[in-house]
Amino acid sequence: MKTPLLIEQHFHGCYGIDFNTASVDEVLFLARKLLGEGVGYIFPTLVTDTVENINRQIKIIKDAANLQSSDMARICGIHLEGIFLNPEKKGIHNADYFMIPTVDNFKLVEDDFIKIITLAPELTKTELFIYLKDKGIKIQAGHCVGADLTYCDATTHTYNAMSGITHRGKSTALSALINDDIYTEIIADGVHVSDDALKLLFKTKQMNKILLISDCLPCTHSEVKEFVFAGSKVYFDGVKATSASGTIAGSTKLLPDIVKILAQKDMFSKQYISNSYAYHNLELRGEIEWDEDFNIVKISY
């Protein structure tokens, strides 16, 4: 089977590199390695941090994008996942750095290279929604409990770190499933979401609104077993990465790994790859050839 190259729109690092601490050279190294894995486009994702560190890393990633060569996954922009989240659903994020989602607070980290922002819609001022829309930034609901997705383009890692399915009242996950205008990120690594929950999403959502993501961590495809992420010590046991308290910190699979996992369960569709291209209005780039066991046998770009 052949598919276009993959798009990683939500991931925090791999090969031992963390976008919240990476240098320009490390970002470029990662981009080159990822193209060799079949990933053609990337949106480096920044987790909650101080305003100073977020601004520093935005500049570093932007500088790396300006130095790219053709043998690298193209850096398309930054996914800002931190600082505008709800403490009730903070996950691994450090709530000490959270801020109310307002225009003034966004301007503290604003940059034209921010292309996606995850925020808690129930805490967000209408003026910020309008401000972000005017700038063409994708707005995603995540780490939240709000059910009103009026201003949102998508939900971030659907089911995880949000109010879940309920048969009474409303919730973020329920709104995501029944709203045909909303794209839904999903981590299908076999750890973050059960197969039944995946099947529910795949059956409920329009097929062209499903976005496969990895949300992978620096330990992915590396020998790293213990590391600091979002200010917390994280432990990777070979299957999942968690904090000392047991909170899942993110996945340990790259998107090509997740495609293989889904395909082996007969739950994969090529449409899921095309959706990311449509969501970001990107031109199809290159091709992956997979064998019958969904191992990559050839990458063209």
C-alpha atoms as a PDB file:
ATOM      1  CA  MET A   1       0.000   0.000   0.000  1.00  0.00           C
ATOM      2  CA  LYS A   2       1.109   3.561  -0.680  1.00  0.00           C
ATOM      3  CA  THR A   3       0.230   6.711   1.274  1.00  0.00           C
ATOM      4  CA  PRO A   4       1.424  10.314   1.344  1.00  0.00           C
ATOM      5  CA  LEU A   5       4.097  11.230   3.871  1.00  0.00           C
ATOM      6  CA  LEU A   6       2.695  11.734   7.357  1.00  0.00           C
ATOM      7  CA  ILE A   7       2.055  14.993   9.217  1.00  0.00           C
ATOM      8  CA  GLU A   8       2.975  15.242  12.919  1.00  0.00           C
ATOM      9  CA  GLN A   9       0.867  18.134  14.179  1.00  0.00           C
ATOM     10  CA  HIS A  10       1.153  17.326  17.863  1.00  0.00           C
ATOM     11  CA  PHE A  11       4.381  15.951  19.308  1.00  0.00           C
ATOM     12  CA  HIS A  12       6.861  17.153  21.901  1.00  0.00           C
ATOM     13  CA  GLY A  13      10.043  15.513  20.672  1.00  0.00           C
ATOM     14  CA  CYS A  14      11.781  12.193  20.066  1.00  0.00           C
ATOM     15  CA  TYR A  15      15.290  10.733  19.731  1.00  0.00           C
ATOM     16  CA  GLY A  16      16.004  12.194  23.172  1.00  0.00           C
ATOM     17  CA  ILE A  17      15.182  15.755  22.046  1.00  0.00           C
ATOM     18  CA  ASP A  18      12.572  17.937  23.779  1.00  0.00           C
ATOM     19  CA  PHE A  19      11.236  20.963  21.881  1.00  0.00           C
ATOM     20  CA  ASN A  20      10.989  22.895  25.166  1.00  0.00           C
ATOM     21  CA  THR A  21      14.766  22.694  25.600  1.00  0.00           C
ATOM     22  CA  ALA A  22      16.095  21.914  22.107  1.00  0.00           C
ATOM     23  CA  SER A  23      18.777  23.890  20.282  1.00  0.00           C
ATOM     24  CA  VAL A  24      18.539  24.893  16.617  1.00  0.00           C
ATOM     25  CA  ASP A  25      20.898  22.059  15.661  1.00  0.00           C
ATOM     26  CA  GLU A  26      18.813  19.529  17.594  1.00  0.00           C
ATOM     27  CA  VAL A  27      15.596  20.642  15.894  1.00  0.00           C
ATOM     28  CA  LEU A  28      17.272  20.294  12.490  1.00  0.00           C
ATOM     29  CA  PHE A  29      18.651  16.867  13.415  1.00  0.00           C
ATOM     30  CA  LEU A  30      15.181  15.740  14.450  1.00  0.00           C
ATOM     31  CA  ALA A  31      13.585  17.092  11.250  1.00  0.00           C
ATOM     32  CA  ARG A  32      16.089  15.158   9.135  1.00  0.00           C
ATOM     33  CA  LYS A  33      15.565  11.933  11.094  1.00  0.00           C
ATOM     34  CA  LEU A  34      11.788  12.238  10.861  1.00  0.00           C
ATOM     35  CA  LEU A  35      11.766  12.485   7.088  1.00  0.00           C
ATOM     36  CA  GLY A  36      13.613   9.172   7.114  1.00  0.00           C
ATOM     37  CA  GLU A  37      10.729   7.765   9.174  1.00  0.00           C
ATOM     38  CA  GLY A  38       8.123   8.862   6.626  1.00  0.00           C
ATOM     39  CA  VAL A  39       7.073  12.126   8.253  1.00  0.00           C
ATOM     40  CA  GLY A  40       6.976  14.986   5.761  1.00  0.00           C
ATOM     41  CA  TYR A  41       5.605  17.884   7.811  1.00  0.00           C
ATOM     42  CA  ILE A  42       5.918  18.728  11.510  1.00  0.00           C
ATOM     43  CA  PHE A  43       4.432  21.185  13.998  1.00  0.00           C
ATOM     44  CA  PRO A  44       6.770  21.113  17.026  1.00  0.00           C
ATOM     45  CA  THR A  45       4.590  21.276  20.131  1.00  0.00           C
ATOM     46  CA  LEU A  46       5.507  23.307  23.210  1.00  0.00           C
ATOM     47  CA  VAL A  47       4.251  22.201  26.590  1.00  0.00           C
ATOM     48  CA  THR A  48       3.455  24.617  29.437  1.00  0.00           C
ATOM     49  CA  ASP A  49       6.515  26.583  30.532  1.00  0.00           C
ATOM     50  CA  THR A  50       7.496  30.077  31.630  1.00  0.00           C
ATOM     51  CA  VAL A  51       6.741  32.890  29.201  1.00  0.00           C
ATOM     52  CA  GLU A  52      10.475  33.471  28.840  1.00  0.00           C
ATOM     53  CA  ASN A  53      11.211  29.856  27.917  1.00  0.00           C
ATOM     54  CA  ILE A  54       8.289  29.651  25.498  1.00  0.00           C
ATOM     55  CA  ASN A  55       9.502  32.779  23.701  1.00  0.00           C
ATOM     56  CA  ARG A  56      13.050  31.417  23.577  1.00  0.00           C
ATOM     57  CA  GLN A  57      11.940  28.094  22.088  1.00  0.00           C
ATOM     58  CA  ILE A  58       9.627  29.717  19.560  1.00  0.00           C
ATOM     59  CA  LYS A  59      12.611  31.679  18.258  1.00  0.00           C
ATOM     60  CA  ILE A  60      14.815  28.575  18.172  1.00  0.00           C
ATOM     61  CA  ILE A  61      12.253  26.526  16.233  1.00  0.00           C
ATOM     62  CA  LYS A  62      11.595  29.439  13.883  1.00  0.00           C
ATOM     63  CA  ASP A  63      15.337  29.868  13.278  1.00  0.00           C
ATOM     64  CA  ALA A  64      15.626  26.141  12.529  1.00  0.00           C
ATOM     65  CA  ALA A  65      12.788  26.392  10.003  1.00  0.00           C
ATOM     66  CA  ASN A  66      14.702  29.105   8.171  1.00  0.00           C
ATOM     67  CA  LEU A  67      17.776  26.851   7.923  1.00  0.00           C
ATOM     68  CA  GLN A  68      16.058  23.738   6.601  1.00  0.00           C
ATOM     69  CA  SER A  69      17.241  21.680   3.648  1.00  0.00           C
ATOM     70  CA  SER A  70      15.232  19.446   1.332  1.00  0.00           C
ATOM     71  CA  ASP A  71      16.201  16.266   3.203  1.00  0.00           C
ATOM     72  CA  MET A  72      14.218  17.266   6.296  1.00  0.00           C
ATOM     73  CA  ALA A  73      10.588  17.106   7.401  1.00  0.00           C
ATOM     74  CA  ARG A  74       9.263  20.594   6.784  1.00  0.00           C
ATOM     75  CA  ILE A  75       8.712  22.647   9.958  1.00  0.00           C
ATOM     76  CA  CYS A  76       5.322  24.259   9.305  1.00  0.00           C
ATOM     77  CA  GLY A  77       4.853  26.152  12.541  1.00  0.00           C
ATOM     78  CA  ILE A  78       4.442  25.708  16.261  1.00  0.00           C
ATOM     79  CA  HIS A  79       1.645  24.038  18.171  1.00  0.00           C
ATOM     80  CA  LEU A  80       1.336  25.908  21.482  1.00  0.00           C
ATOM     81  CA  GLU A  81      -0.233  23.487  23.940  1.00  0.00           C
ATOM     82  CA  GLY A  82       0.721  25.276  27.109  1.00  0.00           C
ATOM     83  CA  ILE A  83      -0.330  28.049  29.509  1.00  0.00           C
ATOM     84  CA  PHE A  84      -4.012  28.520  28.529  1.00  0.00           C
ATOM     85  CA  LEU A  85      -5.353  25.273  29.995  1.00  0.00           C
ATOM     86  CA  ASN A  86      -7.781  24.351  32.777  1.00  0.00           C
ATOM     87  CA  PRO A  87      -6.095  23.200  36.026  1.00  0.00           C
ATOM     88  CA  GLU A  88      -8.886  20.609  36.457  1.00  0.00           C
ATOM     89  CA  LYS A  89      -7.487  18.756  33.438  1.00  0.00           C
ATOM     90  CA  LYS A  90      -3.826  19.736  33.638  1.00  0.00           C
ATOM     91  CA  GLY A  91      -2.420  16.250  33.033  1.00  0.00           C
ATOM     92  CA  ILE A  92       1.383  16.452  33.172  1.00  0.00           C
ATOM     93  CA  HIS A  93       1.381  20.246  32.643  1.00  0.00           C
ATOM     94  CA  ASN A  94       2.616  22.570  35.395  1.00  0.00           C
ATOM     95  CA  ALA A  95      -0.439  24.587  36.448  1.00  0.00           C
ATOM     96  CA  ASP A  96       1.772  27.152  38.202  1.00  0.00           C
ATOM     97  CA  TYR A  97       2.411  28.661  34.764  1.00  0.00           C
ATOM     98  CA  PHE A  98      -1.203  28.684  33.569  1.00  0.00           C
ATOM     99  CA  MET A  99      -2.720  32.025  32.553  1.00  0.00           C
ATOM    100  CA  ILE A 100      -6.235  33.199  31.747  1.00  0.00           C
ATOM    101  CA  PRO A 101      -6.691  33.019  27.942  1.00  0.00           C
ATOM    102  CA  THR A 102      -6.959  36.710  27.046  1.00  0.00           C
ATOM    103  CA  VAL A 103      -5.585  38.770  24.177  1.00  0.00           C
ATOM    104  CA  ASP A 104      -3.163  40.561  26.492  1.00  0.00           C
ATOM    105  CA  ASN A 105      -1.797  37.292  27.863  1.00  0.00           C
ATOM    106  CA  PHE A 106      -1.492  35.747  24.419  1.00  0.00           C
ATOM    107  CA  LYS A 107       0.509  38.756  23.280  1.00  0.00           C
ATOM    108  CA  LEU A 108       3.151  37.784  25.857  1.00  0.00           C
ATOM    109  CA  VAL A 109       4.067  34.793  23.666  1.00  0.00           C
ATOM    110  CA  GLU A 110       2.614  35.865  20.324  1.00  0.00           C
ATOM    111  CA  ASP A 111       4.524  35.016  17.166  1.00  0.00           C
ATOM    112  CA  ASP A 112       3.481  34.531  13.550  1.00  0.00           C
ATOM    113  CA  PHE A 113       4.987  31.028  13.671  1.00  0.00           C
ATOM    114  CA  ILE A 114       2.305  29.804  16.098  1.00  0.00           C
ATOM    115  CA  LYS A 115      -0.115  27.946  13.823  1.00  0.00           C
ATOM    116  CA  ILE A 116      -2.069  25.837  16.338  1.00  0.00           C
ATOM    117  CA  ILE A 117      -3.089  26.655  19.902  1.00  0.00           C
ATOM    118  CA  THR A 118      -4.644  24.329  22.464  1.00  0.00           C
ATOM    119  CA  LEU A 119      -6.714  26.079  25.111  1.00  0.00           C
ATOM    120  CA  ALA A 120      -9.619  25.602  27.495  1.00  0.00           C
ATOM    121  CA  PRO A 121     -12.625  27.190  25.729  1.00  0.00           C
ATOM    122  CA  GLU A 122     -14.605  27.559  28.951  1.00  0.00           C
ATOM    123  CA  LEU A 123     -11.922  29.921  30.307  1.00  0.00           C
ATOM    124  CA  THR A 124     -11.258  31.822  27.077  1.00  0.00           C
ATOM    125  CA  LYS A 125     -12.456  35.365  26.498  1.00  0.00           C
ATOM    126  CA  THR A 126     -14.432  35.876  23.268  1.00  0.00           C
ATOM    127  CA  GLU A 127     -12.000  38.608  22.216  1.00  0.00           C
ATOM    128  CA  LEU A 128      -9.150  36.073  22.139  1.00  0.00           C
ATOM    129  CA  PHE A 129     -11.108  33.663  19.971  1.00  0.00           C
ATOM    130  CA  ILE A 130     -11.736  36.447  17.472  1.00  0.00           C
ATOM    131  CA  TYR A 131      -8.110  37.618  17.658  1.00  0.00           C
ATOM    132  CA  LEU A 132      -6.786  34.114  16.937  1.00  0.00           C
ATOM    133  CA  LYS A 133      -9.287  33.543  14.127  1.00  0.00           C
ATOM    134  CA  ASP A 134      -8.234  36.792  12.451  1.00  0.00           C
ATOM    135  CA  LYS A 135      -4.643  35.558  12.470  1.00  0.00           C
ATOM    136  CA  GLY A 136      -5.544  32.191  10.950  1.00  0.00           C
ATOM    137  CA  ILE A 137      -4.410  30.199  14.002  1.00  0.00           C
ATOM    138  CA  LYS A 138      -6.097  26.820  14.461  1.00  0.00           C
ATOM    139  CA  ILE A 139      -7.929  26.767  17.799  1.00  0.00           C
ATOM    140  CA  GLN A 140      -8.160  23.412  19.553  1.00  0.00           C
ATOM    141  CA  ALA A 141     -10.016  22.569  22.749  1.00  0.00           C
ATOM    142  CA  GLY A 142      -7.914  20.534  25.140  1.00  0.00           C
ATOM    143  CA  HIS A 143      -7.086  20.112  28.815  1.00  0.00           C
ATOM    144  CA  CYS A 144     -10.572  21.426  29.427  1.00  0.00           C
ATOM    145  CA  VAL A 145     -14.102  20.652  30.595  1.00  0.00           C
ATOM    146  CA  GLY A 146     -16.084  23.018  28.349  1.00  0.00           C
ATOM    147  CA  ALA A 147     -18.635  21.664  25.876  1.00  0.00           C
ATOM    148  CA  ASP A 148     -19.072  24.818  23.781  1.00  0.00           C
ATOM    149  CA  LEU A 149     -16.786  24.370  20.766  1.00  0.00           C
ATOM    150  CA  THR A 150     -18.283  27.236  18.756  1.00  0.00           C
ATOM    151  CA  TYR A 151     -14.960  28.934  18.072  1.00  0.00           C
ATOM    152  CA  CYS A 152     -12.856  25.771  17.876  1.00  0.00           C
ATOM    153  CA  ASP A 153     -11.446  24.028  14.827  1.00  0.00           C
ATOM    154  CA  ALA A 154     -10.571  20.783  16.585  1.00  0.00           C
ATOM    155  CA  THR A 155     -10.156  18.970  19.870  1.00  0.00           C
ATOM    156  CA  THR A 156      -6.702  18.083  21.185  1.00  0.00           C
ATOM    157  CA  HIS A 157      -6.010  14.383  21.924  1.00  0.00           C
ATOM    158  CA  THR A 158      -9.735  13.607  22.106  1.00  0.00           C
ATOM    159  CA  TYR A 159     -10.862  11.768  25.274  1.00  0.00           C
ATOM    160  CA  ASN A 160      -7.577  12.513  27.058  1.00  0.00           C
ATOM    161  CA  ALA A 161      -7.421  15.468  29.473  1.00  0.00           C
ATOM    162  CA  MET A 162     -11.003  16.598  28.842  1.00  0.00           C
ATOM    163  CA  SER A 163     -14.461  15.983  30.252  1.00  0.00           C
ATOM    164  CA  GLY A 164     -15.488  12.571  28.922  1.00  0.00           C
ATOM    165  CA  ILE A 165     -18.538  10.888  27.468  1.00  0.00           C
ATOM    166  CA  THR A 166     -21.634  11.340  29.601  1.00  0.00           C
ATOM    167  CA  HIS A 167     -25.269  10.307  29.193  1.00  0.00           C
ATOM    168  CA  ARG A 168     -26.455  13.302  31.219  1.00  0.00           C
ATOM    169  CA  GLY A 169     -25.433  16.853  30.486  1.00  0.00           C
ATOM    170  CA  LYS A 170     -22.689  17.937  28.130  1.00  0.00           C
ATOM    171  CA  SER A 171     -18.942  17.417  27.856  1.00  0.00           C
ATOM    172  CA  THR A 172     -15.991  18.239  25.632  1.00  0.00           C
ATOM    173  CA  ALA A 173     -15.633  14.710  24.283  1.00  0.00           C
ATOM    174  CA  LEU A 174     -19.350  14.365  23.602  1.00  0.00           C
ATOM    175  CA  SER A 175     -19.441  17.681  21.752  1.00  0.00           C
ATOM    176  CA  ALA A 176     -16.428  16.633  19.689  1.00  0.00           C
ATOM    177  CA  LEU A 177     -18.096  13.402  18.614  1.00  0.00           C
ATOM    178  CA  ILE A 178     -21.433  14.891  17.556  1.00  0.00           C
ATOM    179  CA  ASN A 179     -20.187  18.117  15.937  1.00  0.00           C
ATOM    180  CA  ASP A 180     -19.550  17.503  12.240  1.00  0.00           C
ATOM    181  CA  ASP A 181     -17.600  20.750  11.894  1.00  0.00           C
ATOM    182  CA  ILE A 182     -14.970  19.780  14.454  1.00  0.00           C
ATOM    183  CA  TYR A 183     -11.786  17.874  13.668  1.00  0.00           C
ATOM    184  CA  THR A 184     -10.709  15.410  16.353  1.00  0.00           C
ATOM    185  CA  GLU A 185      -7.122  14.588  17.214  1.00  0.00           C
ATOM    186  CA  ILE A 186      -6.725  11.053  18.523  1.00  0.00           C
ATOM    187  CA  ILE A 187      -3.766   9.162  20.046  1.00  0.00           C
ATOM    188  CA  ALA A 188      -4.267   5.615  18.785  1.00  0.00           C
ATOM    189  CA  ASP A 189      -1.158   4.134  20.413  1.00  0.00           C
ATOM    190  CA  GLY A 190      -3.046   1.432  22.315  1.00  0.00           C
ATOM    191  CA  VAL A 191      -2.278   3.117  25.646  1.00  0.00           C
ATOM    192  CA  HIS A 192      -4.111   6.443  25.701  1.00  0.00           C
ATOM    193  CA  VAL A 193      -7.452   5.246  24.330  1.00  0.00           C
ATOM    194  CA  SER A 194      -9.090   1.809  24.428  1.00  0.00           C
ATOM    195  CA  ASP A 195     -10.022   0.028  21.223  1.00  0.00           C
ATOM    196  CA  ASP A 196     -13.729   0.426  22.014  1.00  0.00           C
ATOM    197  CA  ALA A 197     -13.341   4.182  22.475  1.00  0.00           C
ATOM    198  CA  LEU A 198     -11.436   4.344  19.189  1.00  0.00           C
ATOM    199  CA  LYS A 199     -14.197   2.410  17.435  1.00  0.00           C
ATOM    200  CA  LEU A 200     -16.787   4.794  18.865  1.00  0.00           C
ATOM    201  CA  LEU A 201     -14.902   7.794  17.496  1.00  0.00           C
ATOM    202  CA  PHE A 202     -14.283   6.157  14.118  1.00  0.00           C
ATOM    203  CA  LYS A 203     -17.979   5.244  13.808  1.00  0.00           C
ATOM    204  CA  THR A 204     -19.341   8.551  15.089  1.00  0.00           C
ATOM    205  CA  LYS A 205     -17.107  11.117  13.418  1.00  0.00           C
ATOM    206  CA  GLN A 206     -17.145  11.902   9.742  1.00  0.00           C
ATOM    207  CA  MET A 207     -14.109  10.059   8.383  1.00  0.00           C
ATOM    208  CA  ASN A 208     -12.658  13.294   6.982  1.00  0.00           C
ATOM    209  CA  LYS A 209     -12.555  14.910  10.431  1.00  0.00           C
ATOM    210  CA  ILE A 210     -10.230  12.454  12.184  1.00  0.00           C
ATOM    211  CA  LEU A 211      -6.614  13.522  12.807  1.00  0.00           C
ATOM    212  CA  LEU A 212      -4.081  10.896  13.869  1.00  0.00           C
ATOM    213  CA  ILE A 213      -1.443  12.315  16.206  1.00  0.00           C
ATOM    214  CA  SER A 214       1.351  10.822  18.276  1.00  0.00           C
ATOM    215  CA  ASP A 215       1.756  13.345  21.132  1.00  0.00           C
ATOM    216  CA  CYS A 216       5.093  11.601  21.549  1.00  0.00           C
ATOM    217  CA  LEU A 217       7.750  12.439  24.096  1.00  0.00           C
ATOM    218  CA  PRO A 218      11.547  12.884  23.948  1.00  0.00           C
ATOM    219  CA  CYS A 219      12.059   9.249  25.006  1.00  0.00           C
ATOM    220  CA  THR A 220      10.435   8.021  21.771  1.00  0.00           C
ATOM    221  CA  HIS A 221      12.887   6.073  19.578  1.00  0.00           C
ATOM    222  CA  SER A 222      15.682   6.598  22.104  1.00  0.00           C
ATOM    223  CA  GLU A 223      17.374   4.856  25.008  1.00  0.00           C
ATOM    224  CA  VAL A 224      16.035   7.422  27.485  1.00  0.00           C
ATOM    225  CA  LYS A 225      14.127   5.859  30.397  1.00  0.00           C
ATOM    226  CA  GLU A 226      13.980   8.748  32.878  1.00  0.00           C
ATOM    227  CA  PHE A 227      13.738  12.426  32.003  1.00  0.00           C
ATOM    228  CA  VAL A 228      12.196  15.723  33.044  1.00  0.00           C
ATOM    229  CA  PHE A 229       9.194  16.858  31.025  1.00  0.00           C
ATOM    230  CA  ALA A 230       6.963  19.856  31.803  1.00  0.00           C
ATOM    231  CA  GLY A 231       8.844  20.211  35.080  1.00  0.00           C
ATOM    232  CA  SER A 232       8.064  16.659  36.265  1.00  0.00           C
ATOM    233  CA  LYS A 233      10.208  13.541  36.378  1.00  0.00           C
ATOM    234  CA  VAL A 234       8.873  11.048  33.849  1.00  0.00           C
ATOM    235  CA  TYR A 235       9.570   7.312  33.766  1.00  0.00           C
ATOM    236  CA  PHE A 236       9.370   5.182  30.621  1.00  0.00           C
ATOM    237  CA  ASP A 237       8.860   1.480  31.309  1.00  0.00           C
ATOM    238  CA  GLY A 238       9.043   0.403  27.675  1.00  0.00           C
ATOM    239  CA  VAL A 239       5.284   0.671  27.128  1.00  0.00           C
ATOM    240  CA  LYS A 240       4.160   3.968  28.577  1.00  0.00           C
ATOM    241  CA  ALA A 241       5.667   7.091  30.110  1.00  0.00           C
ATOM    242  CA  THR A 242       4.230   8.343  33.391  1.00  0.00           C
ATOM    243  CA  SER A 243       4.989  10.713  36.227  1.00  0.00           C
ATOM    244  CA  ALA A 244       5.796   9.412  39.694  1.00  0.00           C
ATOM    245  CA  SER A 245       2.075   9.684  40.520  1.00  0.00           C
ATOM    246  CA  GLY A 246       1.087   7.604  37.499  1.00  0.00           C
ATOM    247  CA  THR A 247      -0.120  10.400  35.207  1.00  0.00           C
ATOM    248  CA  ILE A 248       0.452   9.487  31.549  1.00  0.00           C
ATOM    249  CA  ALA A 249       2.763  12.137  30.123  1.00  0.00           C
ATOM    250  CA  GLY A 250       2.318  11.499  26.397  1.00  0.00           C
ATOM    251  CA  SER A 251       2.903   8.683  23.957  1.00  0.00           C
ATOM    252  CA  THR A 252       6.106   6.829  23.177  1.00  0.00           C
ATOM    253  CA  LYS A 253       5.235   6.060  19.558  1.00  0.00           C
ATOM    254  CA  LEU A 254       5.860   8.036  16.394  1.00  0.00           C
ATOM    255  CA  LEU A 255       3.005   8.407  13.946  1.00  0.00           C
ATOM    256  CA  PRO A 256       4.332   5.668  11.608  1.00  0.00           C
ATOM    257  CA  ASP A 257       4.289   3.313  14.613  1.00  0.00           C
ATOM    258  CA  ILE A 258       0.674   4.264  15.321  1.00  0.00           C
ATOM    259  CA  VAL A 259      -0.354   3.692  11.699  1.00  0.00           C
ATOM    260  CA  LYS A 260       1.063   0.177  11.995  1.00  0.00           C
ATOM    261  CA  ILE A 261      -0.765  -0.442  15.289  1.00  0.00           C
ATOM    262  CA  LEU A 262      -4.090   0.621  13.757  1.00  0.00           C
ATOM    263  CA  ALA A 263      -3.526  -1.366  10.568  1.00  0.00           C
ATOM    264  CA  GLN A 264      -2.801  -4.544  12.526  1.00  0.00           C
ATOM    265  CA  LYS A 265      -6.185  -4.072  14.213  1.00  0.00           C
ATOM    266  CA  ASP A 266      -7.850  -3.455  10.831  1.00  0.00           C
ATOM    267  CA  MET A 267      -8.764   0.058  11.999  1.00  0.00           C
ATOM    268  CA  PHE A 268      -6.667   2.181   9.634  1.00  0.00           C
ATOM    269  CA  SER A 269      -7.805   4.231   6.650  1.00  0.00           C
ATOM    270  CA  LYS A 270      -5.629   6.254   4.256  1.00  0.00           C
ATOM    271  CA  GLN A 271      -8.240   8.983   4.682  1.00  0.00           C
ATOM    272  CA  TYR A 272      -6.801   9.720   8.128  1.00  0.00           C
ATOM    273  CA  ILE A 273      -3.525  10.811   6.516  1.00  0.00           C
ATOM    274  CA  SER A 274      -5.266  12.935   3.882  1.00  0.00           C
ATOM    275  CA  ASN A 275      -7.257  14.716   6.603  1.00  0.00           C
ATOM    276  CA  SER A 276      -4.175  16.386   8.050  1.00  0.00           C
ATOM    277  CA  TYR A 277      -3.272  17.777   4.630  1.00  0.00           C
ATOM    278  CA  ALA A 278      -6.771  19.238   4.257  1.00  0.00           C
ATOM    279  CA  TYR A 279      -6.801  20.611   7.820  1.00  0.00           C
ATOM    280  CA  HIS A 280      -3.600  22.585   7.241  1.00  0.00           C
ATOM    281  CA  ASN A 281      -4.129  23.224   3.518  1.00  0.00           C
ATOM    282  CA  LEU A 282      -0.778  21.615   2.679  1.00  0.00           C
ATOM    283  CA  GLU A 283       0.224  20.168  -0.655  1.00  0.00           C
ATOM    284  CA  LEU A 284       0.671  16.405  -0.801  1.00  0.00           C
ATOM    285  CA  ARG A 285       4.335  15.610  -0.339  1.00  0.00           C
ATOM    286  CA  GLY A 286       6.136  12.428  -1.193  1.00  0.00           C
ATOM    287  CA  GLU A 287       5.032   8.874  -0.653  1.00  0.00           C
ATOM    288  CA  ILE A 288       5.437   5.949   1.712  1.00  0.00           C
ATOM    289  CA  GLU A 289       5.308   2.372   0.486  1.00  0.00           C
ATOM    290  CA  TRP A 290       4.197  -0.103   3.162  1.00  0.00           C
ATOM    291  CA  ASP A 291       4.439  -3.899   3.041  1.00  0.00           C
ATOM    292  CA  GLU A 292       1.534  -6.169   3.984  1.00  0.00           C
ATOM    293  CA  ASP A 293       2.549  -6.000   7.672  1.00  0.00           C
ATOM    294  CA  PHE A 294       2.698  -2.191   7.491  1.00  0.00           C
ATOM    295  CA  ASN A 295       6.432  -1.919   7.726  1.00  0.00           C
ATOM    296  CA  ILE A 296       7.853   0.948   5.681  1.00  0.00           C
ATOM    297  CA  VAL A 297       9.776  -0.411   2.705  1.00  0.00           C
ATOM    298  CA  LYS A 298      10.314   2.791   0.715  1.00  0.00           C
ATOM    299  CA  ILE A 299      10.064   6.558   1.247  1.00  0.00           C
ATOM    300  CA  SER A 300      10.007   9.018  -1.648  1.00  0.00           C
ATOM    301  CA  TYR A 301      10.199  12.796  -1.272  1.00  0.00           C
END
